[in-house]
Amino acid sequence: MTQSGKSPEGQVADAVKDNWVDRLAPAASRPYLRLSRADRPIGTWLLYIPCIWGVLLAALHDGNLQLWDFWLITASGAGAWLMRGAGCTWNDITDRHFDAQVARTRSRPIPSGQVTVRGAVLWIAAQALIAFGILLTFGPITVMIGVASLGFVAIYPFAKRFTWWPQVFLGLAFNWGALLGWVAHTGKLEWPAVALYLSGIAWTLFYDTIYAHQDTKDDALIGVKSTARLFGDNSPSWLWLFLGLAVGLMGLAVWAANTSHQLALWAALMGPLSFGLHMIWQLRRLNINHSGTLLILFRSNRETGLLPVLFFAIAVML
């Protein structure tokens, strides 16, 4: 924050206050880092966490955690940061006219004039190329799986124009790492990974419906669709359904992945249990008419997703 108490120049409305971009990044880089949501790290976590799930559950499946897996987890973090940045940049290019009409988003770099569309396109290319270089280290099958996710990334910004369920497309894109992590470890796609992927999609429907309730009034005015607008006051009932699907599918994935070591199995099953309990905690505090609460709950999903990471890691070590 500045001495006058005003927000730093160019700060995006829903950015974390006193974030590292506003405090430490060179001034010329700030608009591009804001375009990549580097000042709002929760999205990177939500993209990254399913990658860790996939690697750890695959290691639990074959009982073979290797140094290679630590590289997969580390590199997936870097790739998630880059691809989340590229995806957000693409989203902001396609949504620039909508964003200019919504109070929460009109301060973003493109509608506020900090970055041109041409500059944003070049920024996408730079991030995507570096991410592709990282992906090449994962092996040819994983590269093909990774490239296949680009279709969902490309479609997602347009989904809100033609369906009330754009959160499904976000889930398809954001949880691809569950498949990627599994294949990178095992060299093949197996159905426990698919169950884990579907669990992540249900989780995305849960947290992004909460997030979308911040914009329902503006979205209605400009004609943008979302599950938040579709469900309205019935959202809590739908969120309970998504919670049940997310927990049940993750439990199924764990059960299928571990067939021999009973202690490891029960430790791993604490993952979906704690995952569900944290979502219940969110629902007990949900107020769909209070934007501040909605944003806090949305951001808390980092902890929601990291709880299974903790228990999967313990199970692998047993």
Protein backbone atom coordinates (compact mmCIF):
# COMPACT_ATOMS: atom_id res chain seq x y z
CA MET A 1 0.00 0.00 0.00
CA THR A 2 1.08 3.56 -0.63
CA GLN A 3 1.61 6.05 2.21
CA SER A 4 -1.63 7.81 1.28
CA GLY A 5 -3.54 4.57 1.92
CA LYS A 6 -4.52 4.19 -1.73
CA SER A 7 -4.06 0.99 -3.69
CA PRO A 8 -0.87 0.71 -5.79
CA GLU A 9 -1.25 2.07 -9.29
CA GLY A 10 -2.84 -0.50 -11.60
CA GLN A 11 -3.77 -2.93 -8.83
CA VAL A 12 -6.62 -5.26 -9.76
CA ALA A 13 -9.70 -4.99 -7.54
CA ASP A 14 -9.74 -8.58 -6.26
CA ALA A 15 -5.98 -9.01 -5.88
CA VAL A 16 -4.48 -10.00 -2.55
CA LYS A 17 -3.48 -6.82 -0.73
CA ASP A 18 0.26 -6.13 -0.44
CA ASN A 19 0.99 -8.99 -2.85
CA TRP A 20 4.51 -9.50 -4.16
CA VAL A 21 3.72 -8.13 -7.63
CA ASP A 22 2.66 -4.75 -6.25
CA ARG A 23 5.53 -4.60 -3.76
CA LEU A 24 8.52 -6.20 -5.47
CA ALA A 25 8.07 -6.70 -9.23
CA PRO A 26 9.67 -4.17 -11.61
CA ALA A 27 7.08 -1.59 -12.64
CA ALA A 28 7.22 -2.54 -16.34
CA SER A 29 6.44 -6.19 -15.57
CA ARG A 30 3.50 -5.59 -13.25
CA PRO A 31 0.73 -5.31 -15.88
CA TYR A 32 1.81 -8.62 -17.45
CA LEU A 33 2.13 -10.39 -14.11
CA ARG A 34 -1.32 -9.09 -13.17
CA LEU A 35 -2.60 -10.37 -16.51
CA SER A 36 -1.26 -13.81 -15.49
CA ARG A 37 -2.93 -13.48 -12.06
CA ALA A 38 0.45 -13.67 -10.33
CA ASP A 39 -1.03 -11.28 -7.79
CA ARG A 40 -3.86 -13.76 -7.20
CA PRO A 41 -2.13 -17.13 -6.66
CA ILE A 42 -5.17 -19.22 -5.73
CA GLY A 43 -5.83 -20.17 -9.37
CA THR A 44 -2.31 -21.57 -9.74
CA TRP A 45 -2.85 -23.70 -6.66
CA LEU A 46 -6.16 -25.00 -7.98
CA LEU A 47 -4.50 -25.98 -11.27
CA TYR A 48 -1.42 -27.45 -9.58
CA ILE A 49 -3.00 -29.51 -6.80
CA PRO A 50 -4.63 -32.14 -9.11
CA CYS A 51 -1.18 -32.74 -10.64
CA ILE A 52 0.16 -33.67 -7.20
CA TRP A 53 -2.87 -35.88 -6.57
CA GLY A 54 -2.17 -37.74 -9.81
CA VAL A 55 1.52 -38.33 -9.11
CA LEU A 56 1.03 -39.44 -5.50
CA LEU A 57 -1.94 -41.70 -6.22
CA ALA A 58 -0.02 -43.33 -9.07
CA ALA A 59 2.94 -43.90 -6.73
CA LEU A 60 0.54 -45.43 -4.19
CA HIS A 61 -0.88 -47.65 -6.92
CA ASP A 62 2.44 -49.25 -7.84
CA GLY A 63 4.23 -48.72 -4.52
CA ASN A 64 7.14 -47.06 -6.25
CA LEU A 65 7.83 -43.43 -5.30
CA GLN A 66 11.02 -42.33 -7.06
CA LEU A 67 13.22 -39.23 -7.32
CA TRP A 68 11.61 -38.79 -10.73
CA ASP A 69 8.32 -38.13 -8.97
CA PHE A 70 9.83 -35.21 -7.08
CA TRP A 71 10.81 -33.73 -10.43
CA LEU A 72 7.29 -34.31 -11.73
CA ILE A 73 5.78 -32.53 -8.74
CA THR A 74 8.23 -29.62 -8.91
CA ALA A 75 8.00 -29.19 -12.68
CA SER A 76 4.21 -29.44 -12.57
CA GLY A 77 4.22 -26.47 -10.21
CA ALA A 78 6.21 -24.39 -12.65
CA GLY A 79 4.04 -25.57 -15.53
CA ALA A 80 0.85 -24.77 -13.61
CA TRP A 81 2.08 -21.24 -12.93
CA LEU A 82 2.89 -20.70 -16.59
CA MET A 83 -0.21 -22.31 -18.08
CA ARG A 84 -2.52 -20.66 -15.61
CA GLY A 85 -0.93 -17.39 -16.68
CA ALA A 86 -1.35 -18.20 -20.36
CA GLY A 87 -4.95 -19.34 -19.82
CA CYS A 88 -5.86 -16.21 -17.85
CA THR A 89 -4.29 -14.04 -20.53
CA TRP A 90 -6.36 -15.80 -23.19
CA ASN A 91 -9.45 -15.45 -21.01
CA ASP A 92 -8.86 -11.71 -20.60
CA ILE A 93 -8.37 -11.20 -24.33
CA THR A 94 -11.66 -12.90 -25.15
CA ASP A 95 -13.54 -11.28 -22.24
CA ARG A 96 -12.11 -7.78 -22.49
CA HIS A 97 -15.44 -6.19 -23.49
CA PHE A 98 -17.37 -8.05 -20.77
CA ASP A 99 -14.71 -7.25 -18.16
CA ALA A 100 -15.02 -3.55 -18.88
CA GLN A 101 -18.68 -3.73 -17.82
CA VAL A 102 -18.19 -5.61 -14.51
CA ALA A 103 -17.14 -3.75 -11.37
CA ARG A 104 -14.81 -6.51 -10.12
CA THR A 105 -13.00 -6.98 -13.44
CA ARG A 106 -12.82 -3.58 -15.13
CA SER A 107 -9.49 -2.92 -13.38
CA ARG A 108 -7.83 -5.87 -15.15
CA PRO A 109 -4.88 -4.94 -17.36
CA ILE A 110 -6.58 -5.11 -20.78
CA PRO A 111 -9.87 -3.28 -20.08
CA SER A 112 -7.99 -0.73 -17.95
CA GLY A 113 -5.56 -0.05 -20.81
CA GLN A 114 -2.38 -1.28 -19.09
CA VAL A 115 -1.75 -3.98 -21.73
CA THR A 116 -2.69 -4.04 -25.42
CA VAL A 117 -4.23 -7.10 -27.06
CA ARG A 118 -1.09 -7.51 -29.19
CA GLY A 119 1.08 -7.42 -26.07
CA ALA A 120 -1.18 -9.97 -24.41
CA VAL A 121 -0.90 -12.36 -27.37
CA LEU A 122 2.89 -12.18 -27.24
CA TRP A 123 2.74 -12.80 -23.50
CA ILE A 124 0.64 -15.94 -24.05
CA ALA A 125 3.17 -17.25 -26.54
CA ALA A 126 6.11 -16.69 -24.18
CA GLN A 127 4.42 -18.49 -21.26
CA ALA A 128 3.14 -21.38 -23.37
CA LEU A 129 6.52 -22.02 -25.01
CA ILE A 130 8.32 -22.23 -21.69
CA ALA A 131 5.61 -24.52 -20.31
CA PHE A 132 5.89 -26.75 -23.37
CA GLY A 133 9.64 -27.02 -22.80
CA ILE A 134 8.95 -28.30 -19.28
CA LEU A 135 6.32 -30.74 -20.56
CA LEU A 136 8.83 -32.25 -23.01
CA THR A 137 10.79 -33.64 -20.04
CA PHE A 138 7.79 -35.76 -18.99
CA GLY A 139 7.96 -38.21 -21.90
CA PRO A 140 6.09 -38.56 -25.22
CA ILE A 141 2.82 -40.05 -23.91
CA THR A 142 2.52 -37.36 -21.28
CA VAL A 143 3.26 -34.69 -23.88
CA MET A 144 0.33 -35.91 -25.96
CA ILE A 145 -1.93 -35.93 -22.90
CA GLY A 146 -0.81 -32.41 -22.01
CA VAL A 147 -1.35 -30.98 -25.47
CA ALA A 148 -4.83 -32.50 -25.56
CA SER A 149 -5.89 -30.23 -22.69
CA LEU A 150 -5.46 -27.11 -24.83
CA GLY A 151 -8.86 -27.63 -26.44
CA PHE A 152 -10.62 -27.11 -23.11
CA VAL A 153 -8.40 -24.12 -22.32
CA ALA A 154 -9.35 -22.53 -25.63
CA ILE A 155 -13.09 -23.19 -25.27
CA TYR A 156 -13.57 -22.18 -21.64
CA PRO A 157 -13.72 -18.36 -22.09
CA PHE A 158 -16.52 -18.79 -24.63
CA ALA A 159 -18.52 -21.32 -22.58
CA LYS A 160 -20.29 -18.64 -20.55
CA ARG A 161 -21.79 -17.39 -23.82
CA PHE A 162 -23.50 -20.65 -24.83
CA THR A 163 -24.08 -22.72 -21.66
CA TRP A 164 -25.27 -22.23 -18.10
CA TRP A 165 -22.51 -24.68 -17.08
CA PRO A 166 -19.22 -22.94 -17.99
CA GLN A 167 -17.81 -24.29 -14.70
CA VAL A 168 -17.82 -27.77 -16.28
CA PHE A 169 -15.40 -26.56 -18.96
CA LEU A 170 -13.25 -24.93 -16.29
CA GLY A 171 -13.21 -28.23 -14.41
CA LEU A 172 -12.24 -30.16 -17.52
CA ALA A 173 -9.26 -27.85 -18.03
CA PHE A 174 -8.19 -27.26 -14.43
CA ASN A 175 -8.13 -30.89 -13.33
CA TRP A 176 -6.31 -32.30 -16.35
CA GLY A 177 -3.24 -32.50 -14.15
CA ALA A 178 -4.75 -35.50 -12.35
CA LEU A 179 -4.49 -37.44 -15.62
CA LEU A 180 -1.15 -35.87 -16.50
CA GLY A 181 0.47 -36.70 -13.16
CA TRP A 182 -0.73 -40.30 -13.26
CA VAL A 183 0.47 -40.88 -16.83
CA ALA A 184 3.80 -39.16 -16.18
CA HIS A 185 4.47 -41.64 -13.36
CA THR A 186 3.02 -44.86 -14.81
CA GLY A 187 3.34 -44.29 -18.57
CA LYS A 188 -0.31 -45.20 -19.14
CA LEU A 189 -3.81 -43.95 -18.40
CA GLU A 190 -5.84 -46.10 -15.98
CA TRP A 191 -9.32 -45.73 -14.61
CA PRO A 192 -8.37 -44.66 -11.02
CA ALA A 193 -6.90 -41.54 -12.65
CA VAL A 194 -10.18 -40.96 -14.50
CA ALA A 195 -12.14 -41.22 -11.22
CA LEU A 196 -9.72 -38.75 -9.64
CA TYR A 197 -10.17 -36.40 -12.62
CA LEU A 198 -13.96 -36.55 -12.29
CA SER A 199 -13.65 -35.84 -8.57
CA GLY A 200 -11.67 -32.72 -9.42
CA ILE A 201 -14.34 -31.58 -11.88
CA ALA A 202 -17.00 -31.88 -9.17
CA TRP A 203 -14.74 -29.92 -6.82
CA THR A 204 -14.37 -27.18 -9.44
CA LEU A 205 -18.15 -26.98 -9.79
CA PHE A 206 -18.25 -26.51 -6.02
CA TYR A 207 -15.65 -23.76 -5.64
CA ASP A 208 -16.30 -21.90 -8.88
CA THR A 209 -20.05 -21.70 -8.25
CA ILE A 210 -19.17 -20.01 -4.95
CA TYR A 211 -16.78 -17.68 -6.81
CA ALA A 212 -19.31 -16.85 -9.54
CA HIS A 213 -21.87 -15.62 -7.02
CA GLN A 214 -19.76 -12.46 -6.70
CA ASP A 215 -20.80 -11.38 -10.20
CA THR A 216 -24.38 -12.56 -10.60
CA LYS A 217 -25.89 -9.07 -10.84
CA ASP A 218 -23.38 -7.82 -13.41
CA ASP A 219 -23.53 -11.12 -15.31
CA ALA A 220 -27.30 -10.86 -15.58
CA LEU A 221 -27.02 -7.34 -17.01
CA ILE A 222 -24.53 -8.31 -19.72
CA GLY A 223 -25.94 -11.78 -20.46
CA VAL A 224 -23.12 -13.94 -19.12
CA LYS A 225 -24.20 -17.41 -17.92
CA SER A 226 -22.94 -19.33 -14.89
CA THR A 227 -24.01 -22.06 -12.48
CA ALA A 228 -24.38 -19.34 -9.82
CA ARG A 229 -27.04 -17.60 -11.92
CA LEU A 230 -28.63 -20.90 -12.88
CA PHE A 231 -28.94 -22.18 -9.30
CA GLY A 232 -29.65 -18.85 -7.59
CA ASP A 233 -30.91 -19.33 -4.04
CA ASN A 234 -30.82 -23.11 -4.56
CA SER A 235 -27.02 -23.05 -4.82
CA PRO A 236 -26.41 -24.61 -1.37
CA SER A 237 -28.34 -27.74 -2.37
CA TRP A 238 -26.31 -28.06 -5.56
CA LEU A 239 -23.08 -27.48 -3.66
CA TRP A 240 -23.93 -30.38 -1.35
CA LEU A 241 -24.37 -32.54 -4.45
CA PHE A 242 -21.00 -31.48 -5.88
CA LEU A 243 -19.39 -32.10 -2.49
CA GLY A 244 -20.78 -35.63 -2.39
CA LEU A 245 -19.62 -36.38 -5.94
CA ALA A 246 -16.13 -34.99 -5.31
CA VAL A 247 -15.64 -37.00 -2.12
CA GLY A 248 -17.20 -40.19 -3.47
CA LEU A 249 -15.21 -40.18 -6.70
CA MET A 250 -11.96 -39.44 -4.89
CA GLY A 251 -12.68 -42.27 -2.46
CA LEU A 252 -13.32 -44.58 -5.41
CA ALA A 253 -10.04 -43.51 -7.03
CA VAL A 254 -8.11 -44.25 -3.81
CA TRP A 255 -9.81 -47.62 -3.34
CA ALA A 256 -9.01 -48.64 -6.91
CA ALA A 257 -5.43 -47.39 -6.76
CA ASN A 258 -4.47 -49.38 -3.65
CA THR A 259 -5.21 -53.10 -3.72
CA SER A 260 -2.75 -54.63 -1.23
CA HIS A 261 -1.45 -52.41 1.60
CA GLN A 262 -4.36 -51.96 4.01
CA LEU A 263 -2.68 -49.41 6.30
CA ALA A 264 -1.74 -47.24 3.32
CA LEU A 265 -5.27 -47.59 1.98
CA TRP A 266 -6.86 -46.30 5.18
CA ALA A 267 -4.35 -43.46 5.41
CA ALA A 268 -5.10 -42.47 1.81
CA LEU A 269 -8.85 -42.60 2.44
CA MET A 270 -8.36 -39.87 5.03
CA GLY A 271 -7.67 -37.68 2.00
CA PRO A 272 -11.22 -37.65 0.61
CA LEU A 273 -12.64 -37.57 4.16
CA SER A 274 -10.70 -34.42 5.12
CA PHE A 275 -11.42 -32.98 1.67
CA GLY A 276 -15.14 -33.33 2.30
CA LEU A 277 -14.98 -31.99 5.85
CA HIS A 278 -13.30 -28.82 4.63
CA MET A 279 -16.01 -28.31 2.02
CA ILE A 280 -18.64 -28.81 4.74
CA TRP A 281 -16.84 -26.09 6.74
CA GLN A 282 -17.21 -23.80 3.71
CA LEU A 283 -20.91 -24.54 3.32
CA ARG A 284 -21.58 -23.78 6.98
CA ARG A 285 -20.15 -20.29 6.39
CA LEU A 286 -21.63 -19.69 2.95
CA ASN A 287 -23.51 -16.44 2.31
CA ILE A 288 -24.20 -16.07 -1.40
CA ASN A 289 -25.05 -12.39 -0.94
CA HIS A 290 -21.77 -11.35 0.71
CA SER A 291 -18.92 -10.90 -1.77
CA GLY A 292 -16.22 -10.74 0.89
CA THR A 293 -17.25 -14.08 2.36
CA LEU A 294 -17.50 -15.66 -1.10
CA LEU A 295 -13.95 -14.63 -1.97
CA ILE A 296 -12.58 -15.90 1.36
CA LEU A 297 -14.31 -19.26 0.89
CA PHE A 298 -13.12 -19.56 -2.70
CA ARG A 299 -9.52 -18.89 -1.68
CA SER A 300 -9.77 -21.44 1.14
CA ASN A 301 -9.95 -24.20 -1.48
CA ARG A 302 -6.18 -24.26 -1.57
CA GLU A 303 -6.34 -25.88 1.86
CA THR A 304 -9.23 -28.09 0.71
CA GLY A 305 -7.08 -29.54 -2.06
CA LEU A 306 -3.89 -29.80 -0.01
CA LEU A 307 -5.52 -32.01 2.63
CA PRO A 308 -5.65 -35.03 0.25
CA VAL A 309 -2.06 -34.23 -0.77
CA LEU A 310 -1.01 -34.62 2.87
CA PHE A 311 -2.74 -37.95 3.38
CA PHE A 312 -1.72 -39.34 -0.02
CA ALA A 313 1.90 -38.50 0.82
CA ILE A 314 1.62 -40.24 4.20
CA ALA A 315 0.08 -43.31 2.53
CA VAL A 316 2.88 -43.50 -0.03
CA MET A 317 5.48 -43.45 2.75
CA LEU A 318 3.90 -46.37 4.65
